[in-house]
Amino acid sequence: MKTSTGEPAVVATPAALEAIEKLLEKHDTIMFYQSGGCCDGSLPMCFGKDEFIISENDVLLGEVGGCPFYIDFRQYEVWKHTQLILDVGEGYPEGFSLPAGEDSHFITRSRVCALQPDKSEGRP
């Protein structure tokens, strides 16, 4: 998936890619899920194979390090003009997420993309 400016909707920092690589040494596959919960908006969850069931309403934003990255459909509606950047932060993960390494967790940063004018409504 792409942003309104044609950029990938989700990317990863070198630190996140390194953490993914290490996790894949222990797990066949992993996936990321950005939920729409009130308290965990910037903490994506990382799960091993078959540890999380994706709903038909969830949106596949793309892949990071060869791993799928999904987002809650309600969260997507709010962030669809934003590029999500998967990164690593200090401290253990909350909830059931796999850690990004020793005393570290995955975190989502964001960058708002310029809105493209809607030419169908006669705007320039």
PDB file of N, CA and C in Angstrom:
ATOM      1  N   MET A   1       0.853  -1.168   0.000  1.00  0.00           N
ATOM      2  CA  MET A   1       0.000   0.000   0.000  1.00  0.00           C
ATOM      3  C   MET A   1       0.898   1.231   0.000  1.00  0.00           C
ATOM      4  N   LYS A   2       0.400   2.303  -0.595  1.00  0.00           N
ATOM      5  CA  LYS A   2       1.146   3.552  -0.681  1.00  0.00           C
ATOM      6  C   LYS A   2       0.358   4.683  -0.019  1.00  0.00           C
ATOM      7  N   THR A   3       1.092   5.732   0.379  1.00  0.00           N
ATOM      8  CA  THR A   3       0.444   6.921   0.919  1.00  0.00           C
ATOM      9  C   THR A   3      -0.124   7.734  -0.238  1.00  0.00           C
ATOM     10  N   SER A   4      -0.776   8.832   0.070  1.00  0.00           N
ATOM     11  CA  SER A   4      -1.350   9.691  -0.962  1.00  0.00           C
ATOM     12  C   SER A   4      -0.285  10.297  -1.861  1.00  0.00           C
ATOM     13  N   THR A   5       0.973  10.311  -1.410  1.00  0.00           N
ATOM     14  CA  THR A   5       2.062  10.859  -2.221  1.00  0.00           C
ATOM     15  C   THR A   5       2.853   9.767  -2.933  1.00  0.00           C
ATOM     16  N   GLY A   6       2.396   8.526  -2.835  1.00  0.00           N
ATOM     17  CA  GLY A   6       3.043   7.428  -3.546  1.00  0.00           C
ATOM     18  C   GLY A   6       4.183   6.751  -2.799  1.00  0.00           C
ATOM     19  N   GLU A   7       4.404   7.142  -1.547  1.00  0.00           N
ATOM     20  CA  GLU A   7       5.460   6.530  -0.753  1.00  0.00           C
ATOM     21  C   GLU A   7       4.922   5.287  -0.060  1.00  0.00           C
ATOM     22  N   PRO A   8       5.793   4.350   0.326  1.00  0.00           N
ATOM     23  CA  PRO A   8       5.310   3.189   1.063  1.00  0.00           C
ATOM     24  C   PRO A   8       4.588   3.623   2.337  1.00  0.00           C
ATOM     25  N   ALA A   9       3.485   2.966   2.658  1.00  0.00           N
ATOM     26  CA  ALA A   9       2.699   3.326   3.833  1.00  0.00           C
ATOM     27  C   ALA A   9       3.408   2.949   5.129  1.00  0.00           C
ATOM     28  N   VAL A  10       4.318   1.964   5.060  1.00  0.00           N
ATOM     29  CA  VAL A  10       5.077   1.564   6.248  1.00  0.00           C
ATOM     30  C   VAL A  10       6.510   1.244   5.836  1.00  0.00           C
ATOM     31  N   VAL A  11       7.448   1.716   6.632  1.00  0.00           N
ATOM     32  CA  VAL A  11       8.870   1.455   6.428  1.00  0.00           C
ATOM     33  C   VAL A  11       9.481   1.111   7.785  1.00  0.00           C
ATOM     34  N   ALA A  12      10.731   0.688   7.780  1.00  0.00           N
ATOM     35  CA  ALA A  12      11.400   0.332   9.030  1.00  0.00           C
ATOM     36  C   ALA A  12      12.781   0.960   9.081  1.00  0.00           C
ATOM     37  N   THR A  13      13.204   1.318  10.280  1.00  0.00           N
ATOM     38  CA  THR A  13      14.549   1.849  10.482  1.00  0.00           C
ATOM     39  C   THR A  13      15.545   0.695  10.444  1.00  0.00           C
ATOM     40  N   PRO A  14      16.827   0.994  10.283  1.00  0.00           N
ATOM     41  CA  PRO A  14      17.837  -0.067  10.342  1.00  0.00           C
ATOM     42  C   PRO A  14      17.778  -0.858  11.652  1.00  0.00           C
ATOM     43  N   ALA A  15      17.512  -0.194  12.769  1.00  0.00           N
ATOM     44  CA  ALA A  15      17.419  -0.890  14.064  1.00  0.00           C
ATOM     45  C   ALA A  15      16.259  -1.880  14.064  1.00  0.00           C
ATOM     46  N   ALA A  16      15.131  -1.490  13.504  1.00  0.00           N
ATOM     47  CA  ALA A  16      13.975  -2.385  13.440  1.00  0.00           C
ATOM     48  C   ALA A  16      14.254  -3.555  12.511  1.00  0.00           C
ATOM     49  N   LEU A  17      14.897  -3.300  11.383  1.00  0.00           N
ATOM     50  CA  LEU A  17      15.221  -4.381  10.445  1.00  0.00           C
ATOM     51  C   LEU A  17      16.180  -5.388  11.079  1.00  0.00           C
ATOM     52  N   GLU A  18      17.121  -4.899  11.860  1.00  0.00           N
ATOM     53  CA  GLU A  18      18.049  -5.790  12.559  1.00  0.00           C
ATOM     54  C   GLU A  18      17.307  -6.639  13.596  1.00  0.00           C
ATOM     55  N   ALA A  19      16.376  -6.025  14.325  1.00  0.00           N
ATOM     56  CA  ALA A  19      15.589  -6.755  15.320  1.00  0.00           C
ATOM     57  C   ALA A  19      14.721  -7.815  14.643  1.00  0.00           C
ATOM     58  N   ILE A  20      14.133  -7.486  13.508  1.00  0.00           N
ATOM     59  CA  ILE A  20      13.314  -8.444  12.759  1.00  0.00           C
ATOM     60  C   ILE A  20      14.165  -9.632  12.325  1.00  0.00           C
ATOM     61  N   GLU A  21      15.336  -9.344  11.817  1.00  0.00           N
ATOM     62  CA  GLU A  21      16.250 -10.398  11.376  1.00  0.00           C
ATOM     63  C   GLU A  21      16.563 -11.377  12.510  1.00  0.00           C
ATOM     64  N   LYS A  22      16.816 -10.842  13.697  1.00  0.00           N
ATOM     65  CA  LYS A  22      17.112 -11.696  14.856  1.00  0.00           C
ATOM     66  C   LYS A  22      15.899 -12.503  15.291  1.00  0.00           C
ATOM     67  N   LEU A  23      14.709 -11.887  15.243  1.00  0.00           N
ATOM     68  CA  LEU A  23      13.487 -12.619  15.606  1.00  0.00           C
ATOM     69  C   LEU A  23      13.211 -13.757  14.633  1.00  0.00           C
ATOM     70  N   LEU A  24      13.516 -13.539  13.361  1.00  0.00           N
ATOM     71  CA  LEU A  24      13.263 -14.569  12.356  1.00  0.00           C
ATOM     72  C   LEU A  24      14.202 -15.761  12.511  1.00  0.00           C
ATOM     73  N   GLU A  25      15.282 -15.597  13.248  1.00  0.00           N
ATOM     74  CA  GLU A  25      16.161 -16.730  13.554  1.00  0.00           C
ATOM     75  C   GLU A  25      15.480 -17.685  14.541  1.00  0.00           C
ATOM     76  N   LYS A  26      14.550 -17.164  15.340  1.00  0.00           N
ATOM     77  CA  LYS A  26      13.860 -17.956  16.362  1.00  0.00           C
ATOM     78  C   LYS A  26      12.441 -18.357  15.953  1.00  0.00           C
ATOM     79  N   HIS A  27      11.828 -17.589  15.057  1.00  0.00           N
ATOM     80  CA  HIS A  27      10.440 -17.812  14.644  1.00  0.00           C
ATOM     81  C   HIS A  27      10.398 -17.984  13.131  1.00  0.00           C
ATOM     82  N   ASP A  28       9.572 -18.919  12.663  1.00  0.00           N
ATOM     83  CA  ASP A  28       9.435 -19.121  11.219  1.00  0.00           C
ATOM     84  C   ASP A  28       8.999 -17.841  10.525  1.00  0.00           C
ATOM     85  N   THR A  29       7.962 -17.244  11.073  1.00  0.00           N
ATOM     86  CA  THR A  29       7.443 -15.989  10.521  1.00  0.00           C
ATOM     87  C   THR A  29       6.987 -15.107  11.677  1.00  0.00           C
ATOM     88  N   ILE A  30       6.995 -13.827  11.438  1.00  0.00           N
ATOM     89  CA  ILE A  30       6.420 -12.878  12.394  1.00  0.00           C
ATOM     90  C   ILE A  30       5.568 -11.891  11.616  1.00  0.00           C
ATOM     91  N   MET A  31       4.707 -11.211  12.341  1.00  0.00           N
ATOM     92  CA  MET A  31       3.866 -10.185  11.731  1.00  0.00           C
ATOM     93  C   MET A  31       3.678  -9.061  12.740  1.00  0.00           C
ATOM     94  N   PHE A  32       3.309  -7.901  12.227  1.00  0.00           N
ATOM     95  CA  PHE A  32       3.082  -6.725  13.066  1.00  0.00           C
ATOM     96  C   PHE A  32       1.632  -6.300  12.937  1.00  0.00           C
ATOM     97  N   TYR A  33       1.106  -5.773  14.049  1.00  0.00           N
ATOM     98  CA  TYR A  33      -0.263  -5.289  14.065  1.00  0.00           C
ATOM     99  C   TYR A  33      -0.320  -3.989  14.848  1.00  0.00           C
ATOM    100  N   GLN A  34      -0.777  -2.938  14.177  1.00  0.00           N
ATOM    101  CA  GLN A  34      -0.958  -1.627  14.810  1.00  0.00           C
ATOM    102  C   GLN A  34      -2.431  -1.514  15.177  1.00  0.00           C
ATOM    103  N   SER A  35      -2.716  -1.606  16.461  1.00  0.00           N
ATOM    104  CA  SER A  35      -4.121  -1.623  16.869  1.00  0.00           C
ATOM    105  C   SER A  35      -4.679  -0.216  16.980  1.00  0.00           C
ATOM    106  N   GLY A  36      -5.951  -0.162  17.248  1.00  0.00           N
ATOM    107  CA  GLY A  36      -6.623   1.112  17.419  1.00  0.00           C
ATOM    108  C   GLY A  36      -7.002   1.364  18.860  1.00  0.00           C
ATOM    109  N   GLY A  37      -6.374   0.633  19.771  1.00  0.00           N
ATOM    110  CA  GLY A  37      -6.699   0.795  21.183  1.00  0.00           C
ATOM    111  C   GLY A  37      -6.333   2.164  21.708  1.00  0.00           C
ATOM    112  N   CYS A  38      -6.960   2.566  22.793  1.00  0.00           N
ATOM    113  CA  CYS A  38      -6.752   3.909  23.330  1.00  0.00           C
ATOM    114  C   CYS A  38      -5.375   4.094  23.936  1.00  0.00           C
ATOM    115  N   CYS A  39      -4.777   3.043  24.422  1.00  0.00           N
ATOM    116  CA  CYS A  39      -3.511   3.191  25.147  1.00  0.00           C
ATOM    117  C   CYS A  39      -2.301   2.708  24.371  1.00  0.00           C
ATOM    118  N   ASP A  40      -2.502   2.006  23.263  1.00  0.00           N
ATOM    119  CA  ASP A  40      -1.367   1.401  22.589  1.00  0.00           C
ATOM    120  C   ASP A  40      -1.187   1.900  21.166  1.00  0.00           C
ATOM    121  N   GLY A  41      -1.578   3.119  20.889  1.00  0.00           N
ATOM    122  CA  GLY A  41      -1.524   3.651  19.542  1.00  0.00           C
ATOM    123  C   GLY A  41      -0.148   3.735  18.935  1.00  0.00           C
ATOM    124  N   SER A  42       0.909   3.876  19.726  1.00  0.00           N
ATOM    125  CA  SER A  42       2.245   3.976  19.152  1.00  0.00           C
ATOM    126  C   SER A  42       3.073   2.725  19.369  1.00  0.00           C
ATOM    127  N   LEU A  43       2.478   1.696  19.950  1.00  0.00           N
ATOM    128  CA  LEU A  43       3.203   0.455  20.189  1.00  0.00           C
ATOM    129  C   LEU A  43       2.617  -0.658  19.328  1.00  0.00           C
ATOM    130  N   PRO A  44       3.279  -0.959  18.217  1.00  0.00           N
ATOM    131  CA  PRO A  44       2.780  -2.060  17.404  1.00  0.00           C
ATOM    132  C   PRO A  44       3.044  -3.375  18.118  1.00  0.00           C
ATOM    133  N   MET A  45       2.204  -4.325  17.873  1.00  0.00           N
ATOM    134  CA  MET A  45       2.381  -5.646  18.453  1.00  0.00           C
ATOM    135  C   MET A  45       3.086  -6.517  17.428  1.00  0.00           C
ATOM    136  N   CYS A  46       4.029  -7.329  17.892  1.00  0.00           N
ATOM    137  CA  CYS A  46       4.755  -8.263  17.044  1.00  0.00           C
ATOM    138  C   CYS A  46       4.418  -9.670  17.515  1.00  0.00           C
ATOM    139  N   PHE A  47       3.962 -10.498  16.579  1.00  0.00           N
ATOM    140  CA  PHE A  47       3.533 -11.843  16.927  1.00  0.00           C
ATOM    141  C   PHE A  47       4.233 -12.873  16.057  1.00  0.00           C
ATOM    142  N   GLY A  48       4.417 -14.055  16.621  1.00  0.00           N
ATOM    143  CA  GLY A  48       4.899 -15.194  15.850  1.00  0.00           C
ATOM    144  C   GLY A  48       3.772 -15.777  15.027  1.00  0.00           C
ATOM    145  N   LYS A  49       4.128 -16.736  14.176  1.00  0.00           N
ATOM    146  CA  LYS A  49       3.151 -17.382  13.303  1.00  0.00           C
ATOM    147  C   LYS A  49       1.968 -17.920  14.104  1.00  0.00           C
ATOM    148  N   ASP A  50       0.776 -17.640  13.610  1.00  0.00           N
ATOM    149  CA  ASP A  50      -0.477 -18.143  14.178  1.00  0.00           C
ATOM    150  C   ASP A  50      -0.761 -17.678  15.603  1.00  0.00           C
ATOM    151  N   GLU A  51      -0.106 -16.633  16.078  1.00  0.00           N
ATOM    152  CA  GLU A  51      -0.373 -16.118  17.425  1.00  0.00           C
ATOM    153  C   GLU A  51      -1.425 -15.018  17.438  1.00  0.00           C
ATOM    154  N   PHE A  52      -1.826 -14.543  16.257  1.00  0.00           N
ATOM    155  CA  PHE A  52      -2.799 -13.457  16.180  1.00  0.00           C
ATOM    156  C   PHE A  52      -3.656 -13.680  14.938  1.00  0.00           C
ATOM    157  N   ILE A  53      -4.947 -13.506  15.070  1.00  0.00           N
ATOM    158  CA  ILE A  53      -5.857 -13.694  13.942  1.00  0.00           C
ATOM    159  C   ILE A  53      -6.224 -12.331  13.367  1.00  0.00           C
ATOM    160  N   ILE A  54      -5.952 -12.173  12.101  1.00  0.00           N
ATOM    161  CA  ILE A  54      -6.275 -10.931  11.394  1.00  0.00           C
ATOM    162  C   ILE A  54      -7.754 -10.968  11.012  1.00  0.00           C
ATOM    163  N   SER A  55      -8.434  -9.860  11.221  1.00  0.00           N
ATOM    164  CA  SER A  55      -9.840  -9.729  10.859  1.00  0.00           C
ATOM    165  C   SER A  55      -9.959  -9.332   9.388  1.00  0.00           C
ATOM    166  N   GLU A  56     -11.102  -9.602   8.801  1.00  0.00           N
ATOM    167  CA  GLU A  56     -11.330  -9.190   7.409  1.00  0.00           C
ATOM    168  C   GLU A  56     -11.370  -7.668   7.280  1.00  0.00           C
ATOM    169  N   ASN A  57     -11.526  -6.961   8.391  1.00  0.00           N
ATOM    170  CA  ASN A  57     -11.550  -5.501   8.368  1.00  0.00           C
ATOM    171  C   ASN A  57     -10.172  -4.878   8.551  1.00  0.00           C
ATOM    172  N   ASP A  58      -9.174  -5.668   8.939  1.00  0.00           N
ATOM    173  CA  ASP A  58      -7.834  -5.118   9.125  1.00  0.00           C
ATOM    174  C   ASP A  58      -7.201  -4.835   7.771  1.00  0.00           C
ATOM    175  N   VAL A  59      -6.290  -3.870   7.752  1.00  0.00           N
ATOM    176  CA  VAL A  59      -5.683  -3.408   6.512  1.00  0.00           C
ATOM    177  C   VAL A  59      -4.210  -3.809   6.485  1.00  0.00           C
ATOM    178  N   LEU A  60      -3.790  -4.452   5.405  1.00  0.00           N
ATOM    179  CA  LEU A  60      -2.376  -4.771   5.208  1.00  0.00           C
ATOM    180  C   LEU A  60      -1.694  -3.538   4.632  1.00  0.00           C
ATOM    181  N   LEU A  61      -0.857  -2.883   5.444  1.00  0.00           N
ATOM    182  CA  LEU A  61      -0.158  -1.679   4.976  1.00  0.00           C
ATOM    183  C   LEU A  61       1.000  -2.013   4.061  1.00  0.00           C
ATOM    184  N   GLY A  62       1.633  -3.139   4.303  1.00  0.00           N
ATOM    185  CA  GLY A  62       2.794  -3.531   3.520  1.00  0.00           C
ATOM    186  C   GLY A  62       3.637  -4.505   4.304  1.00  0.00           C
ATOM    187  N   GLU A  63       4.908  -4.585   3.941  1.00  0.00           N
ATOM    188  CA  GLU A  63       5.842  -5.467   4.627  1.00  0.00           C
ATOM    189  C   GLU A  63       7.048  -4.684   5.097  1.00  0.00           C
ATOM    190  N   VAL A  64       7.590  -5.112   6.225  1.00  0.00           N
ATOM    191  CA  VAL A  64       8.847  -4.575   6.739  1.00  0.00           C
ATOM    192  C   VAL A  64       9.751  -5.770   7.020  1.00  0.00           C
ATOM    193  N   GLY A  65      10.927  -5.759   6.442  1.00  0.00           N
ATOM    194  CA  GLY A  65      11.830  -6.889   6.620  1.00  0.00           C
ATOM    195  C   GLY A  65      11.229  -8.193   6.148  1.00  0.00           C
ATOM    196  N   GLY A  66      10.339  -8.146   5.159  1.00  0.00           N
ATOM    197  CA  GLY A  66       9.690  -9.337   4.640  1.00  0.00           C
ATOM    198  C   GLY A  66       8.530  -9.828   5.480  1.00  0.00           C
ATOM    199  N   CYS A  67       8.119  -9.062   6.487  1.00  0.00           N
ATOM    200  CA  CYS A  67       7.043  -9.464   7.398  1.00  0.00           C
ATOM    201  C   CYS A  67       5.840  -8.541   7.226  1.00  0.00           C
ATOM    202  N   PRO A  68       4.634  -9.103   7.203  1.00  0.00           N
ATOM    203  CA  PRO A  68       3.446  -8.264   7.009  1.00  0.00           C
ATOM    204  C   PRO A  68       3.204  -7.323   8.183  1.00  0.00           C
ATOM    205  N   PHE A  69       2.688  -6.143   7.857  1.00  0.00           N
ATOM    206  CA  PHE A  69       2.359  -5.122   8.847  1.00  0.00           C
ATOM    207  C   PHE A  69       0.911  -4.714   8.607  1.00  0.00           C
ATOM    208  N   TYR A  70       0.045  -5.062   9.561  1.00  0.00           N
ATOM    209  CA  TYR A  70      -1.382  -4.763   9.479  1.00  0.00           C
ATOM    210  C   TYR A  70      -1.736  -3.616  10.418  1.00  0.00           C
ATOM    211  N   ILE A  71      -2.871  -2.977  10.132  1.00  0.00           N
ATOM    212  CA  ILE A  71      -3.377  -1.917  10.990  1.00  0.00           C
ATOM    213  C   ILE A  71      -4.890  -2.085  11.136  1.00  0.00           C
ATOM    214  N   ASP A  72      -5.381  -1.764  12.303  1.00  0.00           N
ATOM    215  CA  ASP A  72      -6.815  -1.764  12.558  1.00  0.00           C
ATOM    216  C   ASP A  72      -7.484  -0.802  11.570  1.00  0.00           C
ATOM    217  N   PHE A  73      -8.592  -1.200  10.967  1.00  0.00           N
ATOM    218  CA  PHE A  73      -9.223  -0.380   9.927  1.00  0.00           C
ATOM    219  C   PHE A  73      -9.626   1.003  10.426  1.00  0.00           C
ATOM    220  N   ARG A  74     -10.011   1.114  11.700  1.00  0.00           N
ATOM    221  CA  ARG A  74     -10.379   2.438  12.226  1.00  0.00           C
ATOM    222  C   ARG A  74      -9.148   3.315  12.357  1.00  0.00           C
ATOM    223  N   GLN A  75      -8.039   2.719  12.758  1.00  0.00           N
ATOM    224  CA  GLN A  75      -6.788   3.457  12.872  1.00  0.00           C
ATOM    225  C   GLN A  75      -6.307   3.879  11.486  1.00  0.00           C
ATOM    226  N   TYR A  76      -6.496   3.005  10.508  1.00  0.00           N
ATOM    227  CA  TYR A  76      -6.094   3.337   9.141  1.00  0.00           C
ATOM    228  C   TYR A  76      -6.832   4.574   8.632  1.00  0.00           C
ATOM    229  N   GLU A  77      -8.105   4.675   8.915  1.00  0.00           N
ATOM    230  CA  GLU A  77      -8.871   5.841   8.458  1.00  0.00           C
ATOM    231  C   GLU A  77      -8.291   7.142   9.013  1.00  0.00           C
ATOM    232  N   VAL A  78      -7.764   7.096  10.213  1.00  0.00           N
ATOM    233  CA  VAL A  78      -7.170   8.283  10.827  1.00  0.00           C
ATOM    234  C   VAL A  78      -5.775   8.543  10.259  1.00  0.00           C
ATOM    235  N   TRP A  79      -5.021   7.491   9.987  1.00  0.00           N
ATOM    236  CA  TRP A  79      -3.606   7.618   9.606  1.00  0.00           C
ATOM    237  C   TRP A  79      -3.325   7.384   8.127  1.00  0.00           C
ATOM    238  N   LYS A  80      -4.334   7.355   7.265  1.00  0.00           N
ATOM    239  CA  LYS A  80      -4.100   6.986   5.871  1.00  0.00           C
ATOM    240  C   LYS A  80      -3.225   7.978   5.100  1.00  0.00           C
ATOM    241  N   HIS A  81      -3.040   9.168   5.620  1.00  0.00           N
ATOM    242  CA  HIS A  81      -2.155  10.138   4.971  1.00  0.00           C
ATOM    243  C   HIS A  81      -0.814  10.229   5.706  1.00  0.00           C
ATOM    244  N   THR A  82      -0.494   9.174   6.446  1.00  0.00           N
ATOM    245  CA  THR A  82       0.701   9.159   7.278  1.00  0.00           C
ATOM    246  C   THR A  82       1.548   7.945   6.928  1.00  0.00           C
ATOM    247  N   GLN A  83       2.849   8.156   6.853  1.00  0.00           N
ATOM    248  CA  GLN A  83       3.760   7.020   6.691  1.00  0.00           C
ATOM    249  C   GLN A  83       4.153   6.544   8.081  1.00  0.00           C
ATOM    250  N   LEU A  84       3.960   5.258   8.349  1.00  0.00           N
ATOM    251  CA  LEU A  84       4.360   4.690   9.628  1.00  0.00           C
ATOM    252  C   LEU A  84       5.797   4.193   9.517  1.00  0.00           C
ATOM    253  N   ILE A  85       6.560   4.447  10.559  1.00  0.00           N
ATOM    254  CA  ILE A  85       7.976   4.076  10.590  1.00  0.00           C
ATOM    255  C   ILE A  85       8.188   3.164  11.789  1.00  0.00           C
ATOM    256  N   LEU A  86       8.462   1.893  11.519  1.00  0.00           N
ATOM    257  CA  LEU A  86       8.718   0.936  12.585  1.00  0.00           C
ATOM    258  C   LEU A  86      10.128   1.155  13.107  1.00  0.00           C
ATOM    259  N   ASP A  87      10.254   1.297  14.419  1.00  0.00           N
ATOM    260  CA  ASP A  87      11.543   1.566  15.044  1.00  0.00           C
ATOM    261  C   ASP A  87      11.638   0.741  16.323  1.00  0.00           C
ATOM    262  N   VAL A  88      12.710   0.915  17.057  1.00  0.00           N
ATOM    263  CA  VAL A  88      12.947   0.192  18.304  1.00  0.00           C
ATOM    264  C   VAL A  88      13.126   1.201  19.427  1.00  0.00           C
ATOM    265  N   GLY A  89      12.506   0.917  20.570  1.00  0.00           N
ATOM    266  CA  GLY A  89      12.644   1.764  21.754  1.00  0.00           C
ATOM    267  C   GLY A  89      13.170   0.949  22.918  1.00  0.00           C
ATOM    268  N   GLU A  90      13.622   1.634  23.951  1.00  0.00           N
ATOM    269  CA  GLU A  90      14.153   0.963  25.143  1.00  0.00           C
ATOM    270  C   GLU A  90      13.026   0.469  26.027  1.00  0.00           C
ATOM    271  N   GLY A  91      13.282  -0.629  26.724  1.00  0.00           N
ATOM    272  CA  GLY A  91      12.316  -1.198  27.653  1.00  0.00           C
ATOM    273  C   GLY A  91      11.620  -2.410  27.067  1.00  0.00           C
ATOM    274  N   TYR A  92      11.106  -3.234  27.945  1.00  0.00           N
ATOM    275  CA  TYR A  92      10.424  -4.452  27.508  1.00  0.00           C
ATOM    276  C   TYR A  92       9.069  -4.111  26.899  1.00  0.00           C
ATOM    277  N   PRO A  93       8.597  -4.952  25.974  1.00  0.00           N
ATOM    278  CA  PRO A  93       7.293  -4.680  25.357  1.00  0.00           C
ATOM    279  C   PRO A  93       6.152  -4.885  26.341  1.00  0.00           C
ATOM    280  N   GLU A  94       5.045  -4.227  26.060  1.00  0.00           N
ATOM    281  CA  GLU A  94       3.841  -4.398  26.866  1.00  0.00           C
ATOM    282  C   GLU A  94       2.968  -5.454  26.208  1.00  0.00           C
ATOM    283  N   GLY A  95       2.088  -6.032  26.959  1.00  0.00           N
ATOM    284  CA  GLY A  95       1.155  -7.002  26.398  1.00  0.00           C
ATOM    285  C   GLY A  95       1.847  -8.277  25.948  1.00  0.00           C
ATOM    286  N   PHE A  96       1.377  -8.804  24.830  1.00  0.00           N
ATOM    287  CA  PHE A  96       1.858 -10.091  24.339  1.00  0.00           C
ATOM    288  C   PHE A  96       2.854  -9.968  23.198  1.00  0.00           C
ATOM    289  N   SER A  97       3.330  -8.783  22.916  1.00  0.00           N
ATOM    290  CA  SER A  97       4.240  -8.565  21.804  1.00  0.00           C
ATOM    291  C   SER A  97       5.601  -9.213  22.047  1.00  0.00           C
ATOM    292  N   LEU A  98       6.177  -9.725  20.972  1.00  0.00           N
ATOM    293  CA  LEU A  98       7.546 -10.223  21.055  1.00  0.00           C
ATOM    294  C   LEU A  98       8.480  -9.024  21.249  1.00  0.00           C
ATOM    295  N   PRO A  99       9.573  -9.191  21.992  1.00  0.00           N
ATOM    296  CA  PRO A  99      10.512  -8.083  22.178  1.00  0.00           C
ATOM    297  C   PRO A  99      11.329  -7.836  20.911  1.00  0.00           C
ATOM    298  N   ALA A 100      11.869  -6.650  20.808  1.00  0.00           N
ATOM    299  CA  ALA A 100      12.733  -6.299  19.678  1.00  0.00           C
ATOM    300  C   ALA A 100      14.189  -6.636  19.983  1.00  0.00           C
ATOM    301  N   GLY A 101      14.437  -7.191  21.130  1.00  0.00           N
ATOM    302  CA  GLY A 101      15.787  -7.538  21.557  1.00  0.00           C
ATOM    303  C   GLY A 101      15.859  -7.432  23.069  1.00  0.00           C
ATOM    304  N   GLU A 102      17.040  -7.529  23.591  1.00  0.00           N
ATOM    305  CA  GLU A 102      17.252  -7.426  25.037  1.00  0.00           C
ATOM    306  C   GLU A 102      16.820  -6.042  25.523  1.00  0.00           C
ATOM    307  N   ASP A 103      15.827  -6.014  26.410  1.00  0.00           N
ATOM    308  CA  ASP A 103      15.316  -4.764  26.986  1.00  0.00           C
ATOM    309  C   ASP A 103      14.914  -3.735  25.926  1.00  0.00           C
ATOM    310  N   SER A 104      14.241  -4.205  24.867  1.00  0.00           N
ATOM    311  CA  SER A 104      13.768  -3.271  23.838  1.00  0.00           C
ATOM    312  C   SER A 104      12.455  -3.767  23.232  1.00  0.00           C
ATOM    313  N   HIS A 105      11.715  -2.843  22.666  1.00  0.00           N
ATOM    314  CA  HIS A 105      10.428  -3.140  22.062  1.00  0.00           C
ATOM    315  C   HIS A 105      10.284  -2.366  20.766  1.00  0.00           C
ATOM    316  N   PHE A 106       9.329  -2.770  19.957  1.00  0.00           N
ATOM    317  CA  PHE A 106       9.043  -2.046  18.723  1.00  0.00           C
ATOM    318  C   PHE A 106       8.165  -0.842  19.047  1.00  0.00           C
ATOM    319  N   ILE A 107       8.364   0.206  18.285  1.00  0.00           N
ATOM    320  CA  ILE A 107       7.569   1.429  18.432  1.00  0.00           C
ATOM    321  C   ILE A 107       7.249   1.951  17.031  1.00  0.00           C
ATOM    322  N   THR A 108       6.145   2.629  16.904  1.00  0.00           N
ATOM    323  CA  THR A 108       5.774   3.228  15.628  1.00  0.00           C
ATOM    324  C   THR A 108       5.952   4.738  15.710  1.00  0.00           C
ATOM    325  N   ARG A 109       6.696   5.251  14.780  1.00  0.00           N
ATOM    326  CA  ARG A 109       6.808   6.699  14.602  1.00  0.00           C
ATOM    327  C   ARG A 109       6.010   7.023  13.341  1.00  0.00           C
ATOM    328  N   SER A 110       5.762   8.278  13.090  1.00  0.00           N
ATOM    329  CA  SER A 110       4.973   8.605  11.902  1.00  0.00           C
ATOM    330  C   SER A 110       5.461   9.890  11.256  1.00  0.00           C
ATOM    331  N   ARG A 111       5.133   9.990   9.981  1.00  0.00           N
ATOM    332  CA  ARG A 111       5.451  11.182   9.203  1.00  0.00           C
ATOM    333  C   ARG A 111       4.249  11.474   8.323  1.00  0.00           C
ATOM    334  N   VAL A 112       3.659  12.647   8.507  1.00  0.00           N
ATOM    335  CA  VAL A 112       2.492  13.029   7.720  1.00  0.00           C
ATOM    336  C   VAL A 112       2.946  13.348   6.302  1.00  0.00           C
ATOM    337  N   CYS A 113       2.240  12.792   5.332  1.00  0.00           N
ATOM    338  CA  CYS A 113       2.536  13.026   3.924  1.00  0.00           C
ATOM    339  C   CYS A 113       1.642  14.145   3.416  1.00  0.00           C
ATOM    340  N   ALA A 114       2.138  14.877   2.453  1.00  0.00           N
ATOM    341  CA  ALA A 114       1.358  15.966   1.872  1.00  0.00           C
ATOM    342  C   ALA A 114       0.103  15.398   1.233  1.00  0.00           C
ATOM    343  N   LEU A 115      -0.995  16.072   1.424  1.00  0.00           N
ATOM    344  CA  LEU A 115      -2.247  15.641   0.811  1.00  0.00           C
ATOM    345  C   LEU A 115      -2.249  16.036  -0.654  1.00  0.00           C
ATOM    346  N   GLN A 116      -2.703  15.147  -1.499  1.00  0.00           N
ATOM    347  CA  GLN A 116      -2.839  15.445  -2.913  1.00  0.00           C
ATOM    348  C   GLN A 116      -4.225  16.034  -3.139  1.00  0.00           C
ATOM    349  N   PRO A 117      -4.340  17.090  -3.913  1.00  0.00           N
ATOM    350  CA  PRO A 117      -5.664  17.672  -4.155  1.00  0.00           C
ATOM    351  C   PRO A 117      -6.570  16.683  -4.893  1.00  0.00           C
ATOM    352  N   ASP A 118      -7.840  16.731  -4.576  1.00  0.00           N
ATOM    353  CA  ASP A 118      -8.829  15.869  -5.210  1.00  0.00           C
ATOM    354  C   ASP A 118      -9.325  16.573  -6.473  1.00  0.00           C
ATOM    355  N   LYS A 119      -8.799  16.176  -7.619  1.00  0.00           N
ATOM    356  CA  LYS A 119      -9.133  16.828  -8.895  1.00  0.00           C
ATOM    357  C   LYS A 119     -10.552  16.505  -9.354  1.00  0.00           C
ATOM    358  N   SER A 120     -11.144  15.461  -8.788  1.00  0.00           N
ATOM    359  CA  SER A 120     -12.502  15.102  -9.185  1.00  0.00           C
ATOM    360  C   SER A 120     -13.518  16.122  -8.686  1.00  0.00           C
ATOM    361  N   GLU A 121     -13.138  16.930  -7.708  1.00  0.00           N
ATOM    362  CA  GLU A 121     -14.047  17.932  -7.176  1.00  0.00           C
ATOM    363  C   GLU A 121     -13.739  19.321  -7.724  1.00  0.00           C
ATOM    364  N   GLY A 122     -12.934  19.386  -8.804  1.00  0.00           N
ATOM    365  CA  GLY A 122     -12.656  20.657  -9.448  1.00  0.00           C
ATOM    366  C   GLY A 122     -11.597  21.486  -8.753  1.00  0.00           C
ATOM    367  N   ARG A 123     -10.907  20.931  -7.811  1.00  0.00           N
ATOM    368  CA  ARG A 123      -9.815  21.670  -7.150  1.00  0.00           C
ATOM    369  C   ARG A 123      -8.563  21.581  -7.983  1.00  0.00           C
ATOM    370  N   PRO A 124      -7.680  22.599  -7.915  1.00  0.00           N
ATOM    371  CA  PRO A 124      -6.447  22.571  -8.725  1.00  0.00           C
ATOM    372  C   PRO A 124      -5.494  21.487  -8.302  1.00  0.00           C
TER     373      PRO A 124
END
